[in-house]
Protein backbone atom coordinates (compact mmCIF):
# COMPACT_ATOMS: atom_id res chain seq x y z
CA MET A 1 96.36 104.90 54.23
CA LYS A 2 93.01 107.20 53.97
CA LYS A 3 90.70 105.19 52.44
CA GLU A 4 88.31 106.52 49.04
CA THR A 5 85.63 104.13 49.02
CA GLY A 6 83.08 104.18 51.37
CA GLY A 7 80.88 100.80 51.92
CA VAL A 8 77.24 100.71 52.96
CA ILE A 9 75.76 97.35 54.52
CA ILE A 10 72.38 95.94 54.16
CA ASN A 11 70.83 92.48 55.04
CA PRO A 12 67.24 92.21 53.71
CA SER A 13 67.87 88.51 53.62
CA CYS A 14 69.96 85.55 51.44
CA GLU A 15 68.22 82.97 49.26
CA ASN A 16 71.58 80.96 48.98
CA HIS A 17 72.67 79.43 52.20
CA CYS A 18 76.14 78.99 51.25
CA VAL A 19 78.53 76.43 53.03
CA PHE A 20 80.75 78.56 54.60
CA CYS A 21 78.07 81.13 55.91
CA ARG A 22 75.35 81.33 58.40
CA ARG A 23 71.62 81.35 56.80
CA VAL A 24 70.21 84.85 56.64
CA PRO A 25 66.93 85.00 58.23
CA LYS A 26 64.37 87.66 56.12
CA ALA A 27 64.88 90.88 58.33
CA SER A 28 61.78 92.71 59.75
CA ARG A 29 60.16 95.19 58.72
CA THR A 30 61.20 97.31 61.66
CA GLU A 31 64.89 95.74 61.50
CA LEU A 32 64.94 96.65 57.57
CA GLU A 33 63.82 99.99 58.33
CA LYS A 34 66.88 100.87 60.52
CA GLN A 35 69.33 99.35 58.07
CA GLU A 36 67.59 101.93 55.87
CA ILE A 37 68.08 104.52 58.04
CA ASN A 38 72.31 103.77 58.76
CA VAL A 39 73.11 103.22 55.09
CA PHE A 40 71.39 106.91 54.41
CA LYS A 41 73.18 108.21 57.32
CA CYS A 42 76.49 106.72 55.59
CA LEU A 43 75.83 108.25 52.48
CA LEU A 44 75.81 111.42 53.96
CA GLU A 45 79.01 110.91 56.48
CA PHE A 46 81.02 109.60 53.18
CA LYS A 47 79.77 112.93 51.41
CA GLN A 48 81.21 115.22 54.11
CA LYS A 49 84.64 113.03 53.87
CA GLY A 50 84.62 113.87 49.95
CA LEU A 51 84.90 110.20 49.10
CA GLY A 52 83.64 109.31 45.39
CA ARG A 53 83.37 105.76 45.39
CA LEU A 54 80.80 103.78 46.88
CA GLU A 55 80.12 100.08 47.32
CA ILE A 56 77.20 98.69 48.23
CA SER A 57 77.31 94.78 50.14
CA GLY A 58 76.05 92.95 52.23
CA ALA A 59 73.25 89.80 52.76
CA ASP A 60 72.21 90.16 49.83
CA PRO A 61 71.60 93.72 48.93
CA ILE A 62 70.41 92.45 45.68
CA GLU A 63 67.43 91.42 47.36
CA TYR A 64 66.68 94.69 49.32
CA GLY A 65 63.76 95.93 47.60
CA GLY A 66 64.87 99.60 47.40
CA ILE A 67 68.03 98.73 45.89
CA LEU A 68 67.48 100.58 42.77
CA ARG A 69 66.49 103.70 44.43
CA LEU A 70 69.65 103.03 46.30
CA ILE A 71 71.90 103.21 43.88
CA LYS A 72 70.11 105.94 41.83
CA TYR A 73 70.20 108.23 45.00
CA ALA A 74 74.04 107.53 45.59
CA LYS A 75 74.37 108.67 41.93
CA ASN A 76 72.15 111.80 41.89
CA ILE A 77 74.12 113.14 45.25
CA GLY A 78 77.60 112.75 43.62
CA PHE A 79 78.99 109.05 44.04
CA GLY A 80 81.11 109.26 40.73
CA PHE A 81 81.45 105.47 40.56
CA VAL A 82 79.30 102.81 42.52
CA GLN A 83 79.93 98.98 43.13
CA LEU A 84 77.24 96.40 43.87
CA SER A 85 78.76 93.32 45.73
CA SER A 86 75.92 90.71 45.56
CA HIS A 87 75.33 87.07 44.95
CA GLY A 88 73.78 87.93 41.62
CA ASN A 89 70.95 85.33 41.35
CA LYS A 90 68.46 88.33 40.35
CA LEU A 91 70.60 89.43 37.38
CA GLY A 92 69.16 86.16 35.47
CA GLU A 93 65.76 88.05 35.53
CA GLU A 94 65.88 90.43 32.27
CA ASP A 95 63.45 92.91 33.61
CA PHE A 96 65.40 93.66 36.85
CA LEU A 97 68.71 93.64 34.91
CA LYS A 98 67.19 96.43 32.53
CA LYS A 99 65.98 98.64 35.73
CA LEU A 100 69.47 97.84 37.33
CA ILE A 101 71.50 99.12 34.24
CA LYS A 102 69.58 102.25 34.15
CA THR A 103 70.17 103.20 37.67
CA GLY A 104 73.88 104.12 36.47
CA VAL A 105 75.86 101.29 38.38
CA ASP A 106 79.38 101.07 37.53
CA LYS A 107 80.35 97.63 38.66
CA LEU A 108 78.81 94.30 39.69
CA ARG A 109 80.82 91.85 41.73
CA VAL A 110 79.30 88.48 41.83
CA PRO A 111 80.84 85.09 43.03
CA VAL A 112 80.99 82.37 40.61
CA TYR A 113 82.22 79.35 42.71
CA GLY A 114 82.79 76.32 40.15
CA SER A 115 83.13 75.91 36.90
CA ASN A 116 79.36 74.07 36.36
CA LYS A 117 76.49 74.09 38.40
CA GLU A 118 76.97 70.97 40.18
CA ILE A 119 80.14 72.70 41.77
CA HIS A 120 78.74 76.18 42.15
CA ASP A 121 74.79 74.90 43.58
CA LEU A 122 76.95 72.66 45.69
CA ILE A 123 78.51 75.58 47.49
CA THR A 124 75.62 77.70 47.35
CA ARG A 125 73.04 75.32 48.74
CA ARG A 126 70.45 77.16 46.13
CA LYS A 127 69.50 75.31 42.67
CA GLY A 128 69.76 76.84 40.09
CA SER A 129 71.96 79.80 40.71
CA PHE A 130 74.85 78.84 38.30
CA ASP A 131 72.42 79.00 35.58
CA SER A 132 70.99 82.75 36.95
CA VAL A 133 74.08 83.95 37.34
CA LEU A 134 75.71 83.60 34.35
CA LYS A 135 72.27 84.41 32.26
CA GLY A 136 72.81 87.76 34.08
CA LEU A 137 76.81 87.97 33.01
CA ARG A 138 76.32 87.18 29.75
CA THR A 139 73.17 89.62 29.39
CA ILE A 140 75.29 92.33 30.97
CA LYS A 141 78.08 92.06 28.91
CA LYS A 142 75.78 92.30 26.26
CA LEU A 143 72.99 95.02 26.96
CA ALA A 144 75.51 97.12 28.92
CA PRO A 145 79.39 96.64 28.10
CA ALA A 146 80.31 99.54 30.47
CA ILE A 147 79.46 98.06 33.50
CA GLU A 148 82.14 96.85 34.85
CA ILE A 149 82.25 93.00 36.27
CA GLN A 150 84.21 91.53 38.64
CA VAL A 151 84.03 87.45 39.39
CA SER A 152 85.19 86.40 42.66
CA ASN A 153 85.95 82.48 43.76
CA LEU A 154 86.19 80.89 47.18
CA ILE A 155 88.97 77.76 47.18
CA MET A 156 87.13 75.00 49.50
CA GLU A 157 86.98 71.37 49.47
CA GLN A 158 84.03 71.45 47.25
CA ASN A 159 85.89 73.11 44.41
CA LYS A 160 89.78 72.76 44.81
CA ASN A 161 90.42 71.08 41.56
CA ASP A 162 88.05 72.76 39.50
CA LEU A 163 90.21 75.77 39.54
CA ALA A 164 91.68 75.55 36.02
CA ASP A 165 88.59 74.54 34.50
CA TRP A 166 87.02 77.93 36.41
CA LEU A 167 89.93 79.58 34.90
CA ARG A 168 88.69 78.41 31.65
CA LEU A 169 85.04 79.83 32.05
CA MET A 170 86.11 83.23 32.99
CA ASP A 171 87.79 83.02 29.56
CA GLU A 172 84.96 81.66 27.85
CA LEU A 173 82.37 84.75 29.68
CA ALA A 174 85.22 87.13 28.44
CA ILE A 175 85.42 88.00 32.11
CA VAL A 176 89.04 89.80 32.71
CA ASP A 177 88.90 91.00 36.12
CA TYR A 178 88.48 88.13 38.21
CA TYR A 179 90.36 86.86 41.61
CA LEU A 180 90.37 83.72 43.64
CA SER A 181 90.50 83.94 47.58
CA ILE A 182 89.75 81.88 50.65
CA PRO A 183 86.69 82.13 53.28
CA PHE A 184 87.60 83.13 56.53
CA ARG A 185 86.49 81.02 59.51
CA LYS A 186 83.23 81.86 61.06
CA LYS A 187 82.28 80.54 64.17
CA VAL A 188 78.58 79.49 62.58
CA GLU A 189 76.32 77.80 65.06
CA GLY A 190 76.02 73.82 63.18
CA ASN A 191 78.79 74.77 60.97
CA ASN A 192 81.49 71.71 61.16
CA HIS A 193 84.07 73.70 58.63
CA GLU A 194 84.16 70.62 56.42
CA TYR A 195 84.46 72.85 53.36
CA TYR A 196 87.32 74.83 55.15
CA ILE A 197 90.81 73.74 53.56
CA PRO A 198 93.79 75.15 56.03
CA ILE A 199 96.02 77.83 54.59
CA LYS A 200 99.19 75.47 54.88
CA ASP A 201 97.16 72.79 52.90
CA LEU A 202 96.57 75.30 49.60
CA PRO A 203 99.97 75.03 47.78
CA PRO A 204 99.40 72.18 45.47
CA TYR A 205 95.41 74.13 44.80
CA VAL A 206 97.02 77.68 43.97
CA LYS A 207 100.53 76.83 42.51
CA LYS A 208 98.21 74.73 39.78
CA ALA A 209 95.97 77.65 38.97
CA ALA A 210 98.84 79.76 38.80
CA GLU A 211 100.61 77.65 36.67
CA TYR A 212 97.52 77.64 34.09
CA SER A 213 97.11 80.83 34.12
CA ARG A 214 100.75 81.88 33.45
CA LYS A 215 100.69 79.05 30.34
CA HIS A 216 98.00 80.27 29.04
CA GLY A 217 99.19 83.95 29.37
CA LYS A 218 96.68 85.38 32.10
CA THR A 219 96.71 86.77 35.78
CA VAL A 220 94.28 85.59 38.29
CA ARG A 221 94.71 87.63 41.27
CA PHE A 222 95.08 85.84 44.59
CA MET A 223 93.40 87.25 47.77
CA GLU A 224 94.10 87.24 51.07
CA ILE A 225 96.35 84.52 50.94
CA PRO A 226 100.15 84.76 52.21
CA PHE A 227 103.11 84.40 49.99
CA CYS A 228 104.80 81.82 51.59
CA VAL A 229 102.05 79.65 50.14
CA PHE A 230 103.29 80.27 46.82
CA GLY A 231 106.92 80.20 47.60
CA GLU A 232 107.40 83.20 45.08
CA ILE A 233 106.82 87.76 45.27
CA LYS A 234 104.11 88.15 42.39
CA ASN A 235 101.75 91.43 41.76
CA ASN A 236 99.47 89.41 41.32
CA ILE A 237 99.41 87.70 44.92
CA ILE A 238 97.53 90.54 47.15
CA ASN A 239 97.52 89.98 51.09
CA ASN A 240 96.84 93.29 52.32
CA CYS A 241 93.12 93.80 52.00
CA LEU A 242 91.05 95.92 53.93
CA PRO A 243 87.44 96.48 53.59
CA PRO A 244 85.86 99.99 52.61
CA ASP A 245 85.18 102.76 54.84
CA HIS A 246 81.90 102.08 56.56
CA GLY A 247 81.34 104.84 58.35
CA LYS A 248 79.82 105.22 61.90
CA TYR A 249 77.01 103.46 61.35
CA CYS A 250 77.68 100.19 58.97
CA GLN A 251 80.43 99.21 61.28
CA PRO A 252 80.39 95.30 62.92
CA GLU A 253 78.33 94.57 65.40
CA ARG A 254 79.01 94.56 68.64
CA LYS A 255 79.96 90.78 69.07
CA LEU A 256 82.21 90.97 65.99
CA LYS A 257 84.28 94.30 66.49
CA THR A 258 87.98 94.78 66.69
CA LYS A 259 90.22 97.44 67.74
CA ILE A 260 90.66 98.00 63.90
CA LYS A 261 88.09 100.53 62.69
CA ASP A 262 85.46 98.32 59.85
CA LEU A 263 87.50 94.91 60.08
CA PRO A 264 85.38 92.40 61.94
CA ILE A 265 86.96 89.38 64.30
CA TYR A 266 86.88 87.11 61.39
CA ARG A 267 89.07 88.98 58.84
CA LEU A 268 91.82 89.84 61.58
CA LYS A 269 95.66 88.20 60.49
CA SER A 270 98.32 87.75 62.53
CA LYS A 271 102.05 86.97 61.98
CA ALA A 272 103.88 83.56 62.24
CA ALA A 273 107.30 82.65 63.52
CA ILE A 274 108.31 81.80 59.80
CA CYS A 275 106.92 85.65 58.99
CA LYS A 276 110.30 87.31 60.45
CA LYS A 277 112.70 86.15 57.94
CA CYS A 278 110.41 86.49 54.56
CA LYS A 279 110.93 89.25 52.14
CA ALA A 280 107.55 89.77 52.20
CA ASP A 281 107.17 90.60 55.68
CA SER A 282 106.60 94.36 55.20
CA PHE A 283 103.80 94.01 52.76
CA CYS A 284 102.52 91.04 53.92
CA ASP A 285 99.23 90.92 56.81
CA GLY A 286 100.35 86.96 57.24
CA PHE A 287 97.49 84.57 58.10
CA ALA A 288 94.03 84.48 59.22
CA LYS A 289 94.42 84.27 62.88
CA SER A 290 91.76 81.63 63.42
CA ASP A 291 93.66 79.36 60.90
CA LEU A 292 97.00 80.17 62.56
CA GLU A 293 95.81 79.83 66.02
CA GLU A 294 94.52 76.25 64.91
CA PHE A 295 96.70 74.83 62.54
CA GLY A 296 99.39 76.22 62.41
CA THR A 297 102.09 76.93 59.46
CA GLY A 298 102.90 73.15 58.68
CA LYS A 299 105.72 72.85 56.02
CA LEU A 300 105.24 76.28 54.72
CA LYS A 301 108.47 78.58 54.44
CA ALA A 302 109.64 81.65 54.68
CA ILE A 303 111.06 83.68 51.22
CA LEU A 304 114.14 84.17 52.26
CA LYS A 305 115.97 87.64 52.56
């Protein structure tokens, strides 16, 4: 399937230290210059391929000193749609936000990990991150309502019982594009994965969120979660996600590469024995490979044909 979106990655540093992620050290000037060169090479490659959409992500692109210049450049060379995916902490700085709006950025994707600062800041391990992000979201909707906003959340031990309240917060913020997903287990030194809920243990939490959503006439999307976790096939369950085209120069680092272009090893998926009997087999990617190998499928059952 031909991809329509190109993706560039830049990792200057990240002031968050999320429980599911490694700490990202500040890139040296030399390293950052290499990243910048690769990003601009990718932009030219994407234009040659005829891609009109661009996603800027990394750890974290909003902390890159040239982020405003990069977005303006992308728009000037013809990318009709530019999305910035970021932790969003700087969105609470009104001066920066006004400059960001002027770049012509079309969409912002930010995570909100809880309905309150206690949960969100516990996950990001950065005090004040919840207040900064929410202040930014509210200001964007006021100053630049044309900019699309997408809010994501990862289901973890810290927030598994907060999902209905999180959905309520999305309503309060008037966010219409939001989704729930799960973190991929990464081999990170010193991380004991206490945050992680095995896929086989997700049903009570995702079903409760789905029921709350239906009861209130909303549709929350669930990403990267197999249909058998829900016991039903619905359009708002999406488990065939792939990253954007990262070109030649923003591919995963060597130790994380797989045979699948653009896909790092920790995002690999695999089918279980129950998948062969399932109605969703042809359009469901199955389980995160690392999860399936360690935890199995438990009491999950195929949705019978």
